[in-house]
N, C-alpha and C. Protein backbone atom coordinates (compact mmCIF):
# COMPACT_ATOMS: atom_id res chain seq x y z
N MET A 1 1.67 -9.95 -4.71
CA MET A 1 2.22 -9.58 -6.38
C MET A 1 2.23 -8.27 -6.10
N PRO A 2 3.22 -7.67 -6.02
CA PRO A 2 3.58 -5.81 -5.62
C PRO A 2 3.33 -5.34 -6.94
N ALA A 3 3.07 -4.09 -6.02
CA ALA A 3 2.63 -3.39 -8.09
C ALA A 3 3.12 -1.52 -7.90
N ALA A 4 3.30 -1.58 -8.96
CA ALA A 4 3.70 0.29 -8.88
C ALA A 4 3.29 1.28 -9.73
N VAL A 5 2.97 1.64 -8.49
CA VAL A 5 2.06 2.85 -8.47
C VAL A 5 2.78 4.27 -9.55
N PRO A 6 2.72 5.11 -9.74
CA PRO A 6 3.15 6.03 -10.25
C PRO A 6 2.87 7.10 -9.30
N ILE A 7 3.46 7.67 -8.86
CA ILE A 7 3.00 9.74 -8.23
C ILE A 7 2.85 10.65 -8.71
N THR A 8 1.77 10.84 -9.84
CA THR A 8 1.46 11.65 -10.90
C THR A 8 0.12 11.94 -10.20
N THR A 9 -0.38 12.89 -11.51
CA THR A 9 -1.15 12.97 -11.56
C THR A 9 -2.16 12.08 -13.17
N SER A 10 -0.97 11.09 -13.60
CA SER A 10 -1.81 10.37 -14.58
C SER A 10 -2.06 9.58 -14.77
N PRO A 11 -3.15 8.88 -15.05
CA PRO A 11 -3.12 7.33 -14.62
C PRO A 11 -2.13 6.92 -13.85
N VAL A 12 -3.82 5.39 -12.96
CA VAL A 12 -3.21 4.85 -11.80
C VAL A 12 -2.34 3.80 -12.79
N ARG A 13 -1.16 3.34 -12.84
CA ARG A 13 -0.89 1.89 -13.19
C ARG A 13 0.60 1.04 -12.55
N ALA A 14 -0.36 -0.17 -12.77
CA ALA A 14 0.86 -1.39 -11.98
C ALA A 14 1.72 -1.86 -13.00
N ALA A 15 2.70 -2.65 -12.09
CA ALA A 15 3.63 -3.28 -12.88
C ALA A 15 2.82 -4.84 -12.83
N ARG A 16 2.16 -5.06 -12.56
CA ARG A 16 1.74 -6.67 -12.19
C ARG A 16 0.63 -6.61 -11.23
N LYS A 17 -1.00 -7.03 -11.61
CA LYS A 17 -1.93 -5.93 -11.13
C LYS A 17 -1.30 -7.37 -9.91
N TRP A 18 -2.37 -6.78 -9.35
CA TRP A 18 -2.74 -7.86 -7.74
C TRP A 18 -4.02 -7.72 -6.98
N GLY A 19 -4.71 -7.93 -7.74
CA GLY A 19 -5.71 -8.23 -7.25
C GLY A 19 -6.59 -7.20 -7.38
N GLY A 20 -6.19 -6.38 -7.45
CA GLY A 20 -6.92 -4.55 -8.17
C GLY A 20 -6.33 -3.77 -7.82
N GLY A 21 -6.91 -2.95 -9.13
CA GLY A 21 -6.22 -1.79 -9.86
C GLY A 21 -6.11 -0.99 -8.49
N ALA A 22 -5.83 -0.29 -8.43
CA ALA A 22 -5.92 1.32 -7.13
C ALA A 22 -6.48 2.49 -7.30
N GLU A 23 -7.21 2.88 -7.91
CA GLU A 23 -8.30 4.26 -8.21
C GLU A 23 -6.93 5.37 -8.11
N PRO A 24 -7.24 6.76 -8.29
CA PRO A 24 -6.76 8.23 -8.29
C PRO A 24 -7.72 8.33 -6.81
N ALA A 25 -8.19 8.46 -7.08
CA ALA A 25 -9.06 8.64 -5.57
C ALA A 25 -8.97 7.65 -4.14
N GLU A 26 -8.15 6.89 -4.38
CA GLU A 26 -7.66 5.81 -3.25
C GLU A 26 -6.10 6.44 -3.31
N VAL A 27 -5.47 6.26 -4.39
CA VAL A 27 -4.06 6.81 -3.95
C VAL A 27 -4.05 8.28 -3.22
N GLY A 28 -4.62 9.68 -3.53
CA GLY A 28 -4.72 10.54 -3.09
C GLY A 28 -5.65 10.41 -2.01
N VAL A 29 -5.59 9.19 -1.16
CA VAL A 29 -6.10 9.38 1.01
C VAL A 29 -5.08 8.98 0.82
N LEU A 30 -3.83 8.00 0.07
CA LEU A 30 -3.05 7.48 1.30
C LEU A 30 -1.68 8.08 1.40
N VAL A 31 -1.79 9.04 0.57
CA VAL A 31 -0.30 9.79 0.75
C VAL A 31 -1.45 11.26 0.05
N GLY A 32 -2.20 11.73 1.03
CA GLY A 32 -2.62 12.55 1.67
C GLY A 32 -2.51 13.04 2.85
N LYS A 33 -2.41 14.62 3.16
CA LYS A 33 -2.28 15.46 4.68
C LYS A 33 -2.49 14.98 6.45
N ASP A 34 -4.68 14.50 5.71
CA ASP A 34 -5.30 14.34 6.45
C ASP A 34 -5.28 12.49 6.87
N ARG A 35 -5.07 12.26 8.08
CA ARG A 35 -3.69 10.70 8.28
C ARG A 35 -5.06 10.23 8.94
N SER A 36 -5.78 10.40 10.00
CA SER A 36 -6.40 10.36 10.85
C SER A 36 -8.25 9.98 10.76
N SER A 37 -8.79 10.07 9.73
CA SER A 37 -9.67 9.46 9.12
C SER A 37 -9.51 7.66 9.34
N PHE A 38 -8.75 7.94 8.69
CA PHE A 38 -8.62 6.19 7.58
C PHE A 38 -8.56 4.85 8.84
N PHE A 39 -8.34 6.25 10.04
CA PHE A 39 -7.63 4.77 10.75
C PHE A 39 -9.35 5.18 11.77
N VAL A 40 -10.74 5.48 11.98
CA VAL A 40 -12.08 5.24 11.74
C VAL A 40 -12.22 4.71 10.97
N ASN A 41 -12.39 4.77 9.66
CA ASN A 41 -12.81 4.61 8.67
C ASN A 41 -12.23 3.06 8.04
N GLY A 42 -10.75 3.38 7.86
CA GLY A 42 -10.36 2.27 6.83
C GLY A 42 -10.03 3.20 6.07
N LEU A 43 -9.98 2.16 5.52
CA LEU A 43 -9.46 2.42 3.69
C LEU A 43 -10.21 1.85 2.36
N THR A 44 -10.45 2.31 1.80
CA THR A 44 -10.79 1.22 0.46
C THR A 44 -8.61 1.14 -1.14
N LEU A 45 -8.68 -0.04 -1.48
CA LEU A 45 -7.54 0.38 -2.31
C LEU A 45 -8.01 -1.11 -3.23
N GLY A 46 -8.75 -0.92 -4.33
CA GLY A 46 -8.63 -1.34 -5.79
C GLY A 46 -10.13 -2.27 -5.10
N GLY A 47 -11.37 -1.74 -4.82
CA GLY A 47 -12.39 -1.66 -4.08
C GLY A 47 -12.36 -2.99 -3.12
N GLN A 48 -11.13 -2.63 -2.53
CA GLN A 48 -10.65 -3.78 -1.37
C GLN A 48 -10.76 -3.15 0.35
N LYS A 49 -12.54 -3.15 1.60
CA LYS A 49 -11.74 -1.89 1.76
C LYS A 49 -10.81 -2.69 3.42
N CYS A 50 -10.53 -1.81 4.17
CA CYS A 50 -8.58 -2.04 4.98
C CYS A 50 -9.29 -1.68 5.38
N SER A 51 -8.59 -2.31 6.95
CA SER A 51 -7.38 -1.44 8.30
C SER A 51 -6.35 -1.31 8.26
N VAL A 52 -6.32 -0.13 8.84
CA VAL A 52 -4.82 0.44 8.88
C VAL A 52 -4.15 -0.36 9.98
N ILE A 53 -3.28 -1.02 10.23
CA ILE A 53 -2.72 -1.54 11.10
C ILE A 53 -1.80 -0.45 11.81
N ARG A 54 -0.86 0.39 10.61
CA ARG A 54 0.43 1.17 11.35
C ARG A 54 0.46 1.88 10.12
N ASP A 55 0.59 3.56 10.03
CA ASP A 55 0.94 4.88 8.94
C ASP A 55 2.17 5.07 9.62
N SER A 56 3.36 4.70 8.63
CA SER A 56 4.58 5.40 8.70
C SER A 56 4.55 5.90 7.31
N LEU A 57 3.99 5.93 5.96
CA LEU A 57 4.06 6.49 5.29
C LEU A 57 4.76 8.13 4.44
N LEU A 58 4.13 8.63 5.37
CA LEU A 58 5.14 10.26 5.60
C LEU A 58 6.54 10.68 6.38
N GLN A 59 6.99 9.87 7.13
CA GLN A 59 6.88 9.54 8.33
C GLN A 59 8.54 9.35 7.56
N ASP A 60 8.96 10.38 7.23
CA ASP A 60 11.24 10.01 7.05
C ASP A 60 12.16 9.33 7.05
N GLY A 61 12.70 8.66 5.80
CA GLY A 61 13.40 7.38 6.62
C GLY A 61 12.32 6.30 7.09
N GLU A 62 11.18 6.20 6.72
CA GLU A 62 10.37 5.27 7.36
C GLU A 62 8.79 4.72 5.67
N PHE A 63 8.22 5.83 5.66
CA PHE A 63 8.16 5.38 4.53
C PHE A 63 6.83 3.81 3.57
N THR A 64 6.19 3.78 4.95
CA THR A 64 5.35 2.08 5.03
C THR A 64 4.01 2.81 6.06
N MET A 65 3.31 1.86 5.35
CA MET A 65 2.02 1.85 6.01
C MET A 65 1.75 0.38 5.64
N ASP A 66 0.85 -0.45 6.96
CA ASP A 66 0.79 -1.71 7.26
C ASP A 66 -0.65 -1.59 7.33
N LEU A 67 -1.63 -2.29 6.15
CA LEU A 67 -2.97 -2.59 6.04
C LEU A 67 -3.57 -4.39 6.32
N ARG A 68 -4.30 -4.22 6.54
CA ARG A 68 -5.14 -5.73 6.52
C ARG A 68 -6.19 -4.97 5.93
N THR A 69 -6.53 -6.20 4.34
CA THR A 69 -8.22 -6.21 4.55
C THR A 69 -9.44 -6.26 5.35
N LYS A 70 -10.88 -6.51 5.12
CA LYS A 70 -11.63 -6.48 6.11
C LYS A 70 -12.22 -7.96 5.69
N SER A 71 -12.84 -8.39 5.89
CA SER A 71 -13.16 -9.51 5.64
C SER A 71 -14.27 -9.86 5.47
N SER A 72 -15.60 -10.44 4.27
CA SER A 72 -16.85 -10.25 3.86
C SER A 72 -17.54 -11.12 3.78
N GLY A 73 -18.34 -12.13 4.82
CA GLY A 73 -18.57 -13.17 4.93
C GLY A 73 -18.12 -15.09 5.32
N GLY A 74 -16.93 -14.39 5.84
CA GLY A 74 -16.36 -15.60 6.16
C GLY A 74 -14.91 -15.19 5.53
N ALA A 75 -14.67 -14.45 4.32
CA ALA A 75 -13.23 -14.62 3.04
C ALA A 75 -12.21 -14.93 3.90
N PRO A 76 -11.31 -14.69 3.87
CA PRO A 76 -9.75 -14.99 4.19
C PRO A 76 -8.91 -13.25 3.66
N THR A 77 -8.61 -13.08 5.07
CA THR A 77 -8.35 -11.72 5.57
C THR A 77 -6.28 -11.50 4.81
N PHE A 78 -6.02 -10.60 3.96
CA PHE A 78 -4.69 -10.03 4.02
C PHE A 78 -4.04 -9.25 4.42
N ASN A 79 -2.76 -8.70 4.62
CA ASN A 79 -1.65 -8.16 4.86
C ASN A 79 -0.52 -7.27 3.19
N ILE A 80 -1.71 -5.94 3.49
CA ILE A 80 -0.49 -5.34 2.75
C ILE A 80 -0.13 -4.10 3.58
N THR A 81 1.25 -4.62 2.43
CA THR A 81 1.88 -3.37 3.12
C THR A 81 2.44 -2.19 1.49
N VAL A 82 2.40 -0.71 1.52
CA VAL A 82 2.17 0.51 0.74
C VAL A 82 3.51 0.88 1.39
N THR A 83 4.80 0.96 0.29
CA THR A 83 5.82 1.33 0.58
C THR A 83 6.38 2.83 -0.36
N MET A 84 6.79 3.80 -0.50
CA MET A 84 6.78 4.65 -0.85
C MET A 84 8.08 5.12 -1.54
N THR A 85 8.47 5.54 -2.37
CA THR A 85 9.96 6.86 -2.87
C THR A 85 9.20 8.18 -3.57
N ALA A 86 9.91 8.55 -4.05
CA ALA A 86 9.77 10.14 -4.84
C ALA A 86 9.08 9.99 -6.21
N LYS A 87 8.99 9.06 -6.35
CA LYS A 87 8.24 8.81 -7.69
C LYS A 87 6.68 7.69 -7.56
N THR A 88 7.16 6.99 -6.31
CA THR A 88 6.22 6.02 -6.41
C THR A 88 5.76 5.33 -5.80
N LEU A 89 4.61 5.32 -5.14
CA LEU A 89 3.95 3.76 -4.49
C LEU A 89 4.13 2.20 -4.90
N VAL A 90 4.52 1.27 -3.29
CA VAL A 90 5.19 0.46 -4.23
C VAL A 90 3.89 -0.20 -2.89
N LEU A 91 2.57 -1.31 -3.49
CA LEU A 91 2.06 -2.03 -2.79
C LEU A 91 2.54 -3.54 -3.32
N LEU A 92 2.65 -4.46 -2.10
CA LEU A 92 3.18 -5.96 -1.24
C LEU A 92 1.76 -6.31 -1.44
N MET A 93 0.84 -7.45 -1.81
CA MET A 93 0.32 -7.91 -0.82
C MET A 93 0.16 -9.78 -0.64
N GLY A 94 0.25 -10.64 0.18
CA GLY A 94 0.79 -11.54 0.76
C GLY A 94 -0.73 -12.23 0.54
N LYS A 95 0.23 -14.32 0.28
CA LYS A 95 -1.38 -14.87 0.66
C LYS A 95 -2.47 -14.35 2.19
N GLU A 96 -2.26 -15.84 1.59
CA GLU A 96 -3.17 -15.59 2.80
C GLU A 96 -2.86 -16.87 4.44
N GLY A 97 -3.14 -16.04 5.07
CA GLY A 97 -1.18 -16.65 6.07
C GLY A 97 0.10 -16.27 6.37
N VAL A 98 0.20 -15.65 5.47
CA VAL A 98 1.01 -14.88 5.33
C VAL A 98 2.12 -13.79 5.94
N HIS A 99 2.80 -13.91 7.29
CA HIS A 99 2.95 -12.80 8.57
C HIS A 99 2.93 -11.31 7.84
N GLY A 100 1.95 -10.10 7.85
CA GLY A 100 3.17 -8.96 7.76
C GLY A 100 4.42 -8.70 7.60
N GLY A 101 5.07 -8.97 8.49
CA GLY A 101 6.65 -8.40 8.92
C GLY A 101 6.93 -8.50 7.82
N MET A 102 6.54 -10.45 7.41
CA MET A 102 7.08 -10.57 5.19
C MET A 102 6.89 -10.05 4.58
N ILE A 103 5.54 -9.03 4.44
CA ILE A 103 6.08 -8.49 3.29
C ILE A 103 5.86 -6.99 3.40
N ASN A 104 6.14 -7.04 5.30
CA ASN A 104 6.47 -5.31 5.13
C ASN A 104 7.71 -5.30 4.74
N LYS A 105 8.98 -6.14 4.67
CA LYS A 105 9.96 -6.68 4.69
C LYS A 105 10.79 -6.47 3.54
N LYS A 106 9.62 -6.91 2.50
CA LYS A 106 10.12 -8.12 1.00
C LYS A 106 9.37 -5.71 0.39
N CYS A 107 8.12 -5.74 0.44
CA CYS A 107 8.09 -4.54 0.20
C CYS A 107 9.24 -2.75 0.02
N TYR A 108 9.47 -2.48 1.16
CA TYR A 108 10.05 -1.85 1.87
C TYR A 108 11.86 -2.04 1.69
N GLU A 109 12.16 -3.37 1.29
CA GLU A 109 13.87 -3.41 0.50
C GLU A 109 13.11 -3.78 -1.06
N MET A 110 11.67 -3.56 -1.57
CA MET A 110 11.77 -2.95 -3.47
C MET A 110 11.72 -1.45 -3.39
N ALA A 111 10.97 -0.87 -2.62
CA ALA A 111 11.01 -0.08 -2.36
C ALA A 111 12.41 1.30 -2.02
N SER A 112 13.60 0.77 -1.24
CA SER A 112 14.89 1.47 -1.21
C SER A 112 15.72 0.51 -2.80
N HIS A 113 15.10 -0.93 -3.46
CA HIS A 113 15.34 -0.69 -4.20
C HIS A 113 15.26 0.86 -5.25
N LEU A 114 14.68 0.69 -5.42
CA LEU A 114 13.95 2.45 -6.23
C LEU A 114 14.77 3.61 -5.82
N ARG A 115 14.33 2.91 -3.92
CA ARG A 115 15.32 4.73 -4.47
C ARG A 115 16.56 5.36 -4.72
N ARG A 116 17.50 3.20 -4.27
CA ARG A 116 18.96 4.06 -5.02
C ARG A 116 18.72 3.89 -6.25
N SER A 117 18.21 4.19 -6.78
CA SER A 117 18.20 3.94 -8.78
C SER A 117 16.99 5.17 -9.04
N GLN A 118 16.82 6.31 -7.56
CA GLN A 118 16.88 7.62 -8.29
C GLN A 118 15.95 7.62 -8.55
N TYR A 119 13.95 6.37 -8.67
CA TYR A 119 13.04 6.72 -9.30
C TYR A 119 12.07 6.06 -7.66
């Protein structure tokens, strides 16, 4: 389910709940300048620990980050893609078994539409 998260100092909002809300501190880590720490330690989104698979979030023309949730106690893991527009982060979390490439493509298309709409 997609979530659109405004990139502002105001509270984080979601267009649709995707399994957990992203906290402002978590958004700060996503868009922060220090990109090395979460490759080693991972990051947290909505209280869910995630591994970073690919980070191109701050690269012009890309603006995407691929994540995978970490399993706890044998629970299933899920692919997540984060894309960025001028005003928004779009988060898309796939269902169990859905390939990350499909999630990335859908999330990128949604963010591209928002960019074309000047959002």
